[in-house]
Protein backbone atom coordinates (compact mmCIF):
# COMPACT_ATOMS: atom_id res chain seq x y z
CA MET A 1 107.68 94.02 58.10
CA ALA A 2 110.90 95.17 56.47
CA PHE A 3 112.87 93.07 58.95
CA ALA A 4 110.65 90.06 58.18
CA VAL A 5 111.47 90.47 54.47
CA TRP A 6 115.17 90.83 55.17
CA ILE A 7 115.51 87.61 57.23
CA PRO A 8 114.80 85.06 54.44
CA SER A 9 116.74 87.08 51.87
CA ARG A 10 120.04 87.34 53.75
CA ARG A 11 121.57 84.38 51.96
CA SER A 12 121.94 83.94 48.23
CA ASP A 13 119.89 80.71 48.38
CA GLY A 14 117.13 82.30 50.49
CA ALA A 15 113.43 82.13 49.70
CA LEU A 16 113.33 85.64 48.25
CA SER A 17 116.69 85.63 46.49
CA ASP A 18 115.71 85.09 42.88
CA PRO A 19 117.73 87.57 40.79
CA ASP A 20 115.42 87.05 37.78
CA SER A 21 112.25 87.82 39.72
CA LEU A 22 110.30 91.02 39.07
CA LEU A 23 109.88 91.55 42.82
CA GLN A 24 113.29 91.82 44.45
CA GLU A 25 113.51 91.49 48.22
CA HIS A 26 115.89 94.43 48.54
CA ALA A 27 113.50 96.71 46.65
CA LEU A 28 110.62 95.55 48.85
CA TRP A 29 112.73 96.25 51.93
CA HIS A 30 113.38 99.80 50.70
CA LEU A 31 109.69 100.39 50.01
CA LEU A 32 108.69 99.20 53.48
CA CYS A 33 111.35 101.40 55.11
CA ALA A 34 110.12 104.38 53.09
CA LEU A 35 106.56 103.67 54.19
CA ALA A 36 107.65 103.50 57.83
CA THR A 37 109.46 106.82 57.45
CA LEU A 38 106.36 108.42 55.94
CA LEU A 39 104.16 107.12 58.75
CA ILE A 40 106.56 108.41 61.41
CA TRP A 41 106.66 111.81 59.69
CA LEU A 42 102.85 111.96 59.56
CA TYR A 43 102.68 111.08 63.24
CA TYR A 44 105.19 113.77 64.24
CA ARG A 45 103.40 116.31 62.05
CA SER A 46 100.14 115.59 63.85
CA GLU A 47 101.61 116.36 67.27
CA ARG A 48 100.65 119.71 68.74
CA ARG A 49 103.30 122.08 70.02
CA ILE A 50 103.11 122.89 73.72
CA ASP A 51 103.83 126.55 74.43
CA ALA A 52 105.50 127.11 77.78
């Protein structure tokens, strides 16, 4: 999803490139990346350790 937000906002005249908007595309991109990091961390934390 973060990549999908980034695509239209790459250019200054993009669909999500309104500097006066409350929702900035770059901030949304950061939030989605943070969410992905949290979900990956929760997944790794749920894995069980295999003792050899």
